[in-house]
Amino acid sequence: MPRLRASSIAQIFNALECSSFGLTSFDVKFPHDKNEAAIITFLPRPKFCFRIGASRDSYEHIYIRVSPGEFKSEDFQTMSSFEACVAQILPWIHRISEDLRVALPDLPELARFRESLEAHIKDTVPDEDQPFSADEIGEIDSKLSSLEQRLKELEERHVLAEQELAELRGAV
């Protein structure tokens, strides 16, 4: 596919700049030797890619290949124009956000924390089927009261901060 015009390249960069991730989260290439006019890769997850291309024999058949797709991991769509391709960049970025939100973290620290928490619970709770003792109920009640007091303090600070902000706005 021939090189894109400067204004077409600017349309791609503008769409990426308007995204919630910003331009620096993407690698954008404009290859000369393929059917593809543009390849946009999401740097934190390189498997997320947006490609604009056209068939070798006819530039009337322009397409996008995107990952993630609308409901599949990858979609291929024939488009009516280059502008229609660019218009699909922001929905693609929105799907990336959705996939990142639901992705479960695969962190070794999380696994170690979970193991230590489960071991702690196992060590402190001798028989989980037994009801709480009077001492345990008292300890839980004390901790909940302490937590409630702390939440009230935080709420009061927040109200105070809002009042201070209102006074500052009034002064300006």
N, C-alpha and C. Protein backbone atom coordinates (compact mmCIF):
# COMPACT_ATOMS: atom_id res chain seq x y z
N MET A 1 0.85 -1.17 0.00
CA MET A 1 0.00 0.00 0.00
C MET A 1 0.90 1.23 0.00
N PRO A 2 0.58 2.23 -0.77
CA PRO A 2 1.42 3.43 -0.81
C PRO A 2 1.38 4.17 0.53
N ARG A 3 2.33 5.04 0.67
CA ARG A 3 2.43 5.83 1.90
C ARG A 3 1.17 6.67 2.09
N LEU A 4 0.87 6.89 3.35
CA LEU A 4 -0.28 7.73 3.69
C LEU A 4 0.10 9.19 3.58
N ARG A 5 -0.87 10.02 3.28
CA ARG A 5 -0.65 11.46 3.27
C ARG A 5 -0.43 11.94 4.69
N ALA A 6 0.21 13.07 4.83
CA ALA A 6 0.48 13.64 6.15
C ALA A 6 -0.82 13.89 6.92
N SER A 7 -1.86 14.33 6.23
CA SER A 7 -3.13 14.59 6.92
C SER A 7 -3.77 13.28 7.41
N SER A 8 -3.58 12.19 6.69
CA SER A 8 -4.11 10.90 7.13
C SER A 8 -3.36 10.40 8.36
N ILE A 9 -2.06 10.58 8.36
CA ILE A 9 -1.25 10.21 9.53
C ILE A 9 -1.66 11.05 10.73
N ALA A 10 -1.90 12.33 10.50
CA ALA A 10 -2.33 13.22 11.59
C ALA A 10 -3.67 12.77 12.17
N GLN A 11 -4.57 12.26 11.34
CA GLN A 11 -5.86 11.77 11.84
C GLN A 11 -5.65 10.61 12.82
N ILE A 12 -4.73 9.74 12.49
CA ILE A 12 -4.44 8.60 13.37
C ILE A 12 -3.87 9.09 14.69
N PHE A 13 -2.86 9.97 14.62
CA PHE A 13 -2.25 10.49 15.83
C PHE A 13 -3.25 11.27 16.68
N ASN A 14 -4.12 12.03 16.06
CA ASN A 14 -5.14 12.78 16.81
C ASN A 14 -6.07 11.85 17.56
N ALA A 15 -6.47 10.77 16.91
CA ALA A 15 -7.35 9.80 17.57
C ALA A 15 -6.66 9.18 18.78
N LEU A 16 -5.39 8.86 18.64
CA LEU A 16 -4.65 8.27 19.76
C LEU A 16 -4.44 9.27 20.89
N GLU A 17 -4.18 10.52 20.54
CA GLU A 17 -3.99 11.56 21.55
C GLU A 17 -5.26 11.81 22.35
N CYS A 18 -6.41 11.62 21.72
CA CYS A 18 -7.70 11.84 22.39
C CYS A 18 -8.08 10.68 23.30
N SER A 19 -7.34 9.61 23.24
CA SER A 19 -7.69 8.42 24.02
C SER A 19 -7.32 8.59 25.48
N SER A 20 -7.85 7.71 26.29
CA SER A 20 -7.56 7.74 27.73
C SER A 20 -6.12 7.32 28.03
N PHE A 21 -5.47 6.65 27.10
CA PHE A 21 -4.10 6.20 27.32
C PHE A 21 -3.07 7.22 26.84
N GLY A 22 -3.41 8.01 25.84
CA GLY A 22 -2.46 8.98 25.30
C GLY A 22 -1.56 8.36 24.25
N LEU A 23 -0.96 9.19 23.47
CA LEU A 23 -0.14 8.76 22.34
C LEU A 23 1.06 7.90 22.74
N THR A 24 1.65 8.18 23.90
CA THR A 24 2.86 7.47 24.30
C THR A 24 2.62 6.01 24.65
N SER A 25 1.37 5.60 24.77
CA SER A 25 1.06 4.20 25.06
C SER A 25 1.02 3.33 23.81
N PHE A 26 1.26 3.94 22.66
CA PHE A 26 1.14 3.22 21.40
C PHE A 26 2.41 3.34 20.56
N ASP A 27 2.67 2.28 19.82
CA ASP A 27 3.72 2.29 18.80
C ASP A 27 2.99 2.34 17.47
N VAL A 28 3.29 3.33 16.65
CA VAL A 28 2.60 3.50 15.37
C VAL A 28 3.62 3.36 14.25
N LYS A 29 3.33 2.46 13.33
CA LYS A 29 4.22 2.26 12.18
C LYS A 29 3.42 2.39 10.89
N PHE A 30 4.12 2.85 9.87
CA PHE A 30 3.54 3.00 8.55
C PHE A 30 4.42 2.25 7.56
N PRO A 31 4.20 0.92 7.43
CA PRO A 31 5.08 0.11 6.59
C PRO A 31 4.92 0.43 5.11
N HIS A 32 6.00 0.25 4.36
CA HIS A 32 5.98 0.53 2.92
C HIS A 32 5.84 -0.73 2.09
N ASP A 33 6.23 -1.85 2.64
CA ASP A 33 6.34 -3.05 1.82
C ASP A 33 5.18 -4.04 1.97
N LYS A 34 4.16 -3.69 2.68
CA LYS A 34 3.04 -4.60 2.90
C LYS A 34 1.76 -4.00 2.38
N ASN A 35 0.69 -4.76 2.55
CA ASN A 35 -0.64 -4.26 2.20
C ASN A 35 -1.16 -3.31 3.27
N GLU A 36 -0.44 -3.21 4.37
CA GLU A 36 -0.93 -2.42 5.49
C GLU A 36 -0.42 -0.98 5.42
N ALA A 37 -1.33 -0.06 5.70
CA ALA A 37 -0.98 1.36 5.68
C ALA A 37 -0.53 1.83 7.05
N ALA A 38 -1.10 1.21 8.10
CA ALA A 38 -0.76 1.61 9.46
C ALA A 38 -0.89 0.42 10.40
N ILE A 39 0.03 0.35 11.35
CA ILE A 39 -0.02 -0.66 12.40
C ILE A 39 0.15 0.05 13.73
N ILE A 40 -0.88 -0.06 14.57
CA ILE A 40 -0.86 0.59 15.88
C ILE A 40 -0.81 -0.53 16.92
N THR A 41 0.20 -0.48 17.78
CA THR A 41 0.36 -1.50 18.81
C THR A 41 0.27 -0.84 20.17
N PHE A 42 -0.51 -1.43 21.07
CA PHE A 42 -0.63 -0.95 22.44
C PHE A 42 0.57 -1.47 23.21
N LEU A 43 1.48 -0.59 23.60
CA LEU A 43 2.76 -0.99 24.17
C LEU A 43 2.67 -1.86 25.43
N PRO A 44 1.78 -1.56 26.38
CA PRO A 44 1.73 -2.42 27.56
C PRO A 44 1.27 -3.86 27.26
N ARG A 45 0.50 -4.04 26.19
CA ARG A 45 0.05 -5.37 25.78
C ARG A 45 0.16 -5.46 24.26
N PRO A 46 1.32 -5.83 23.75
CA PRO A 46 1.54 -5.82 22.30
C PRO A 46 0.58 -6.71 21.50
N LYS A 47 -0.11 -7.64 22.16
CA LYS A 47 -1.08 -8.44 21.42
C LYS A 47 -2.29 -7.61 21.00
N PHE A 48 -2.48 -6.44 21.63
CA PHE A 48 -3.55 -5.53 21.24
C PHE A 48 -3.04 -4.67 20.10
N CYS A 49 -3.60 -4.88 18.92
CA CYS A 49 -3.07 -4.26 17.72
C CYS A 49 -4.22 -3.80 16.81
N PHE A 50 -3.99 -2.72 16.09
CA PHE A 50 -4.97 -2.15 15.15
C PHE A 50 -4.25 -1.96 13.83
N ARG A 51 -4.73 -2.62 12.79
CA ARG A 51 -4.08 -2.53 11.47
C ARG A 51 -5.07 -1.99 10.44
N ILE A 52 -4.57 -1.08 9.62
CA ILE A 52 -5.35 -0.56 8.49
C ILE A 52 -4.64 -1.02 7.23
N GLY A 53 -5.39 -1.63 6.33
CA GLY A 53 -4.77 -2.12 5.10
C GLY A 53 -5.73 -2.09 3.93
N ALA A 54 -5.21 -2.51 2.79
CA ALA A 54 -6.02 -2.60 1.57
C ALA A 54 -5.50 -3.76 0.76
N SER A 55 -6.37 -4.34 -0.05
CA SER A 55 -5.93 -5.45 -0.89
C SER A 55 -4.96 -4.93 -1.95
N ARG A 56 -4.06 -5.79 -2.37
CA ARG A 56 -3.03 -5.38 -3.35
C ARG A 56 -3.64 -4.94 -4.68
N ASP A 57 -4.68 -5.62 -5.09
CA ASP A 57 -5.23 -5.35 -6.42
C ASP A 57 -6.18 -4.17 -6.48
N SER A 58 -6.74 -3.77 -5.33
CA SER A 58 -7.70 -2.69 -5.37
C SER A 58 -7.72 -1.94 -4.04
N TYR A 59 -7.59 -0.63 -4.13
CA TYR A 59 -7.65 0.17 -2.91
C TYR A 59 -9.09 0.45 -2.52
N GLU A 60 -10.02 -0.08 -3.28
CA GLU A 60 -11.43 0.04 -2.91
C GLU A 60 -11.75 -0.87 -1.74
N HIS A 61 -10.95 -1.90 -1.53
CA HIS A 61 -11.19 -2.86 -0.46
C HIS A 61 -10.26 -2.56 0.71
N ILE A 62 -10.62 -1.56 1.48
CA ILE A 62 -9.83 -1.18 2.65
C ILE A 62 -10.39 -1.92 3.86
N TYR A 63 -9.52 -2.29 4.78
CA TYR A 63 -9.97 -3.09 5.92
C TYR A 63 -9.22 -2.69 7.19
N ILE A 64 -9.78 -3.17 8.30
CA ILE A 64 -9.07 -3.08 9.58
C ILE A 64 -9.03 -4.49 10.16
N ARG A 65 -7.95 -4.77 10.86
CA ARG A 65 -7.80 -6.00 11.63
C ARG A 65 -7.44 -5.55 13.04
N VAL A 66 -8.31 -5.86 14.00
CA VAL A 66 -8.14 -5.34 15.35
C VAL A 66 -8.16 -6.45 16.40
N SER A 67 -7.36 -6.23 17.41
CA SER A 67 -7.35 -7.11 18.56
C SER A 67 -7.20 -6.22 19.80
N PRO A 68 -8.14 -6.23 20.71
CA PRO A 68 -9.31 -7.08 20.79
C PRO A 68 -10.42 -6.61 19.86
N GLY A 69 -11.22 -7.59 19.44
CA GLY A 69 -12.36 -7.28 18.59
C GLY A 69 -13.58 -6.92 19.43
N GLU A 70 -14.72 -6.79 18.74
CA GLU A 70 -15.94 -6.42 19.46
C GLU A 70 -16.34 -7.46 20.49
N PHE A 71 -16.31 -8.72 20.10
CA PHE A 71 -16.61 -9.78 21.06
C PHE A 71 -15.67 -10.96 20.91
N LYS A 72 -14.87 -10.97 19.86
CA LYS A 72 -13.85 -12.00 19.68
C LYS A 72 -12.49 -11.40 20.01
N SER A 73 -11.51 -12.26 20.11
CA SER A 73 -10.17 -11.74 20.42
C SER A 73 -9.60 -10.95 19.25
N GLU A 74 -10.07 -11.24 18.02
CA GLU A 74 -9.61 -10.48 16.85
C GLU A 74 -10.76 -10.34 15.86
N ASP A 75 -10.85 -9.18 15.25
CA ASP A 75 -11.87 -8.92 14.22
C ASP A 75 -11.22 -8.46 12.94
N PHE A 76 -11.86 -8.79 11.84
CA PHE A 76 -11.47 -8.31 10.52
C PHE A 76 -12.72 -7.68 9.93
N GLN A 77 -12.62 -6.40 9.52
CA GLN A 77 -13.78 -5.71 8.96
C GLN A 77 -13.39 -4.97 7.70
N THR A 78 -14.20 -5.10 6.68
CA THR A 78 -14.03 -4.29 5.48
C THR A 78 -14.69 -2.95 5.74
N MET A 79 -14.00 -1.88 5.36
CA MET A 79 -14.48 -0.54 5.66
C MET A 79 -14.75 0.21 4.36
N SER A 80 -15.55 1.25 4.44
CA SER A 80 -15.92 2.01 3.25
C SER A 80 -14.90 3.09 2.90
N SER A 81 -14.12 3.54 3.90
CA SER A 81 -13.16 4.61 3.64
C SER A 81 -12.07 4.61 4.71
N PHE A 82 -11.04 5.37 4.46
CA PHE A 82 -9.97 5.51 5.44
C PHE A 82 -10.51 6.18 6.70
N GLU A 83 -11.37 7.18 6.53
CA GLU A 83 -11.95 7.88 7.67
C GLU A 83 -12.76 6.92 8.54
N ALA A 84 -13.44 5.97 7.92
CA ALA A 84 -14.20 4.97 8.67
C ALA A 84 -13.26 4.09 9.50
N CYS A 85 -12.09 3.82 8.94
CA CYS A 85 -11.08 3.05 9.69
C CYS A 85 -10.63 3.83 10.91
N VAL A 86 -10.28 5.09 10.72
CA VAL A 86 -9.81 5.93 11.82
C VAL A 86 -10.89 6.08 12.89
N ALA A 87 -12.14 6.12 12.46
CA ALA A 87 -13.25 6.25 13.41
C ALA A 87 -13.37 5.03 14.33
N GLN A 88 -12.75 3.95 13.98
CA GLN A 88 -12.80 2.73 14.79
C GLN A 88 -11.68 2.67 15.83
N ILE A 89 -10.76 3.62 15.81
CA ILE A 89 -9.64 3.60 16.76
C ILE A 89 -10.13 3.78 18.19
N LEU A 90 -10.96 4.78 18.45
CA LEU A 90 -11.42 5.01 19.82
C LEU A 90 -12.26 3.86 20.37
N PRO A 91 -13.18 3.27 19.59
CA PRO A 91 -13.89 2.09 20.10
C PRO A 91 -12.93 0.93 20.41
N TRP A 92 -11.88 0.78 19.60
CA TRP A 92 -10.87 -0.25 19.86
C TRP A 92 -10.17 0.02 21.19
N ILE A 93 -9.81 1.27 21.43
CA ILE A 93 -9.14 1.63 22.69
C ILE A 93 -10.08 1.39 23.88
N HIS A 94 -11.36 1.66 23.69
CA HIS A 94 -12.34 1.40 24.75
C HIS A 94 -12.38 -0.10 25.07
N ARG A 95 -12.30 -0.95 24.06
CA ARG A 95 -12.28 -2.40 24.29
C ARG A 95 -11.00 -2.82 25.03
N ILE A 96 -9.89 -2.15 24.74
CA ILE A 96 -8.65 -2.43 25.48
C ILE A 96 -8.88 -2.12 26.96
N SER A 97 -9.48 -0.97 27.25
CA SER A 97 -9.76 -0.59 28.64
C SER A 97 -10.64 -1.64 29.32
N GLU A 98 -11.66 -2.09 28.61
CA GLU A 98 -12.55 -3.11 29.17
C GLU A 98 -11.78 -4.39 29.48
N ASP A 99 -10.96 -4.83 28.54
CA ASP A 99 -10.19 -6.07 28.75
C ASP A 99 -9.20 -5.92 29.90
N LEU A 100 -8.58 -4.77 30.03
CA LEU A 100 -7.64 -4.56 31.12
C LEU A 100 -8.35 -4.54 32.46
N ARG A 101 -9.57 -3.98 32.50
CA ARG A 101 -10.31 -3.93 33.74
C ARG A 101 -10.70 -5.31 34.26
N VAL A 102 -11.03 -6.21 33.36
CA VAL A 102 -11.48 -7.53 33.80
C VAL A 102 -10.35 -8.55 33.88
N ALA A 103 -9.18 -8.19 33.42
CA ALA A 103 -8.05 -9.12 33.46
C ALA A 103 -7.64 -9.38 34.90
N LEU A 104 -7.48 -10.61 35.24
CA LEU A 104 -7.04 -10.96 36.58
C LEU A 104 -5.53 -10.78 36.66
N PRO A 105 -5.06 -10.13 37.71
CA PRO A 105 -3.61 -9.94 37.81
C PRO A 105 -2.91 -11.28 38.03
N ASP A 106 -1.84 -11.45 37.37
CA ASP A 106 -1.04 -12.67 37.49
C ASP A 106 0.27 -12.29 38.16
N LEU A 107 0.15 -11.93 39.43
CA LEU A 107 1.32 -11.44 40.14
C LEU A 107 1.75 -12.44 41.20
N PRO A 108 3.02 -12.78 41.23
CA PRO A 108 3.51 -13.70 42.26
C PRO A 108 3.29 -13.16 43.68
N GLU A 109 3.38 -11.82 43.86
CA GLU A 109 3.16 -11.24 45.18
C GLU A 109 1.75 -11.51 45.66
N LEU A 110 0.78 -11.44 44.75
CA LEU A 110 -0.61 -11.69 45.11
C LEU A 110 -0.78 -13.13 45.57
N ALA A 111 -0.16 -14.06 44.89
CA ALA A 111 -0.24 -15.47 45.27
C ALA A 111 0.40 -15.70 46.65
N ARG A 112 1.56 -15.06 46.88
CA ARG A 112 2.21 -15.21 48.19
C ARG A 112 1.36 -14.60 49.30
N PHE A 113 0.76 -13.44 49.03
CA PHE A 113 -0.11 -12.81 50.02
C PHE A 113 -1.30 -13.70 50.34
N ARG A 114 -1.91 -14.24 49.31
CA ARG A 114 -3.06 -15.12 49.51
C ARG A 114 -2.66 -16.33 50.37
N GLU A 115 -1.53 -16.94 50.06
CA GLU A 115 -1.06 -18.10 50.83
C GLU A 115 -0.81 -17.73 52.28
N SER A 116 -0.17 -16.58 52.51
CA SER A 116 0.11 -16.18 53.90
C SER A 116 -1.18 -15.84 54.63
N LEU A 117 -2.14 -15.23 53.97
CA LEU A 117 -3.43 -14.92 54.59
C LEU A 117 -4.17 -16.21 54.95
N GLU A 118 -4.20 -17.15 54.04
CA GLU A 118 -4.87 -18.43 54.32
C GLU A 118 -4.19 -19.17 55.47
N ALA A 119 -2.85 -19.12 55.52
CA ALA A 119 -2.12 -19.76 56.62
C ALA A 119 -2.43 -19.07 57.94
N HIS A 120 -2.51 -17.74 57.93
CA HIS A 120 -2.82 -16.99 59.14
C HIS A 120 -4.22 -17.34 59.64
N ILE A 121 -5.16 -17.39 58.74
CA ILE A 121 -6.54 -17.73 59.12
C ILE A 121 -6.59 -19.15 59.69
N LYS A 122 -5.89 -20.06 59.05
CA LYS A 122 -5.89 -21.45 59.51
C LYS A 122 -5.28 -21.56 60.91
N ASP A 123 -4.22 -20.76 61.18
CA ASP A 123 -3.56 -20.80 62.48
C ASP A 123 -4.40 -20.15 63.58
N THR A 124 -5.17 -19.11 63.26
CA THR A 124 -5.91 -18.39 64.28
C THR A 124 -7.33 -18.90 64.48
N VAL A 125 -7.84 -19.65 63.55
CA VAL A 125 -9.19 -20.19 63.67
C VAL A 125 -9.08 -21.71 63.78
N PRO A 126 -9.10 -22.21 65.03
CA PRO A 126 -8.89 -23.65 65.21
C PRO A 126 -10.02 -24.50 64.61
N ASP A 127 -11.26 -24.04 64.76
CA ASP A 127 -12.38 -24.82 64.22
C ASP A 127 -13.38 -23.83 63.62
N GLU A 128 -13.40 -23.74 62.32
CA GLU A 128 -14.23 -22.72 61.66
C GLU A 128 -15.72 -23.00 61.76
N ASP A 129 -16.11 -24.20 62.19
CA ASP A 129 -17.54 -24.51 62.33
C ASP A 129 -18.09 -24.11 63.69
N GLN A 130 -17.23 -23.76 64.64
CA GLN A 130 -17.66 -23.37 65.98
C GLN A 130 -18.08 -21.90 65.99
N PRO A 131 -19.07 -21.55 66.79
CA PRO A 131 -19.44 -20.12 66.90
C PRO A 131 -18.34 -19.35 67.64
N PHE A 132 -18.38 -18.02 67.51
CA PHE A 132 -17.39 -17.18 68.18
C PHE A 132 -17.56 -17.29 69.69
N SER A 133 -16.45 -17.23 70.38
CA SER A 133 -16.50 -17.19 71.85
C SER A 133 -16.83 -15.77 72.28
N ALA A 134 -17.13 -15.59 73.57
CA ALA A 134 -17.44 -14.26 74.10
C ALA A 134 -16.24 -13.33 73.95
N ASP A 135 -15.02 -13.84 74.14
CA ASP A 135 -13.81 -13.02 73.97
C ASP A 135 -13.64 -12.59 72.51
N GLU A 136 -13.88 -13.51 71.60
CA GLU A 136 -13.75 -13.19 70.17
C GLU A 136 -14.79 -12.16 69.74
N ILE A 137 -16.01 -12.31 70.27
CA ILE A 137 -17.06 -11.34 69.95
C ILE A 137 -16.67 -9.96 70.47
N GLY A 138 -16.13 -9.90 71.68
CA GLY A 138 -15.67 -8.62 72.24
C GLY A 138 -14.57 -8.00 71.41
N GLU A 139 -13.62 -8.82 70.96
CA GLU A 139 -12.51 -8.32 70.14
C GLU A 139 -13.01 -7.80 68.80
N ILE A 140 -13.92 -8.51 68.17
CA ILE A 140 -14.50 -8.08 66.88
C ILE A 140 -15.25 -6.78 67.07
N ASP A 141 -16.05 -6.70 68.16
CA ASP A 141 -16.82 -5.49 68.43
C ASP A 141 -15.90 -4.29 68.63
N SER A 142 -14.81 -4.50 69.35
CA SER A 142 -13.84 -3.43 69.59
C SER A 142 -13.21 -2.96 68.27
N LYS A 143 -12.82 -3.89 67.43
CA LYS A 143 -12.21 -3.53 66.15
C LYS A 143 -13.20 -2.81 65.23
N LEU A 144 -14.45 -3.25 65.23
CA LEU A 144 -15.46 -2.58 64.40
C LEU A 144 -15.73 -1.17 64.92
N SER A 145 -15.76 -1.00 66.23
CA SER A 145 -15.96 0.34 66.81
C SER A 145 -14.80 1.26 66.44
N SER A 146 -13.59 0.73 66.51
CA SER A 146 -12.41 1.51 66.13
C SER A 146 -12.47 1.90 64.66
N LEU A 147 -12.88 0.97 63.82
CA LEU A 147 -13.02 1.26 62.39
C LEU A 147 -14.09 2.31 62.15
N GLU A 148 -15.20 2.21 62.85
CA GLU A 148 -16.28 3.18 62.71
C GLU A 148 -15.80 4.58 63.10
N GLN A 149 -15.05 4.67 64.20
CA GLN A 149 -14.51 5.96 64.64
C GLN A 149 -13.57 6.55 63.60
N ARG A 150 -12.72 5.71 63.04
CA ARG A 150 -11.77 6.17 62.02
C ARG A 150 -12.51 6.67 60.77
N LEU A 151 -13.56 5.98 60.37
CA LEU A 151 -14.35 6.41 59.21
C LEU A 151 -15.02 7.76 59.49
N LYS A 152 -15.52 7.96 60.72
CA LYS A 152 -16.12 9.25 61.07
C LYS A 152 -15.09 10.37 60.99
N GLU A 153 -13.86 10.10 61.46
CA GLU A 153 -12.79 11.10 61.38
C GLU A 153 -12.47 11.45 59.93
N LEU A 154 -12.39 10.44 59.09
CA LEU A 154 -12.11 10.69 57.67
C LEU A 154 -13.23 11.48 57.02
N GLU A 155 -14.45 11.16 57.38
CA GLU A 155 -15.61 11.88 56.84
C GLU A 155 -15.57 13.34 57.27
N GLU A 156 -15.25 13.60 58.54
CA GLU A 156 -15.16 14.97 59.04
C GLU A 156 -14.07 15.75 58.31
N ARG A 157 -12.94 15.11 58.07
CA ARG A 157 -11.85 15.77 57.33
C ARG A 157 -12.30 16.12 55.92
N HIS A 158 -13.05 15.21 55.31
CA HIS A 158 -13.53 15.45 53.94
C HIS A 158 -14.49 16.64 53.93
N VAL A 159 -15.41 16.70 54.90
CA VAL A 159 -16.35 17.82 54.98
C VAL A 159 -15.59 19.12 55.20
N LEU A 160 -14.59 19.07 56.09
CA LEU A 160 -13.77 20.26 56.35
C LEU A 160 -13.05 20.68 55.08
N ALA A 161 -12.50 19.74 54.36
CA ALA A 161 -11.80 20.07 53.12
C ALA A 161 -12.76 20.70 52.11
N GLU A 162 -13.99 20.20 52.04
CA GLU A 162 -14.97 20.79 51.12
C GLU A 162 -15.31 22.21 51.53
N GLN A 163 -15.43 22.46 52.84
CA GLN A 163 -15.73 23.82 53.33
C GLN A 163 -14.57 24.77 53.02
N GLU A 164 -13.35 24.29 53.23
CA GLU A 164 -12.18 25.11 52.92
C GLU A 164 -12.13 25.44 51.44
N LEU A 165 -12.43 24.45 50.61
CA LEU A 165 -12.44 24.66 49.17
C LEU A 165 -13.51 25.68 48.79
N ALA A 166 -14.67 25.61 49.40
CA ALA A 166 -15.73 26.56 49.09
C ALA A 166 -15.31 27.97 49.49
N GLU A 167 -14.64 28.11 50.65
CA GLU A 167 -14.16 29.41 51.11
C GLU A 167 -13.12 29.96 50.14
N LEU A 168 -12.20 29.11 49.68
CA LEU A 168 -11.19 29.54 48.73
C LEU A 168 -11.81 29.99 47.42
N ARG A 169 -12.80 29.24 46.97
CA ARG A 169 -13.49 29.63 45.72
C ARG A 169 -14.18 30.98 45.90
N GLY A 170 -14.76 31.18 47.08
CA GLY A 170 -15.43 32.46 47.37
C GLY A 170 -14.44 33.61 47.38
N ALA A 171 -13.24 33.34 47.86
CA ALA A 171 -12.21 34.38 47.92
C ALA A 171 -11.71 34.75 46.53
N VAL A 172 -11.70 33.77 45.64
CA VAL A 172 -11.21 34.01 44.29
C VAL A 172 -12.29 34.69 43.52
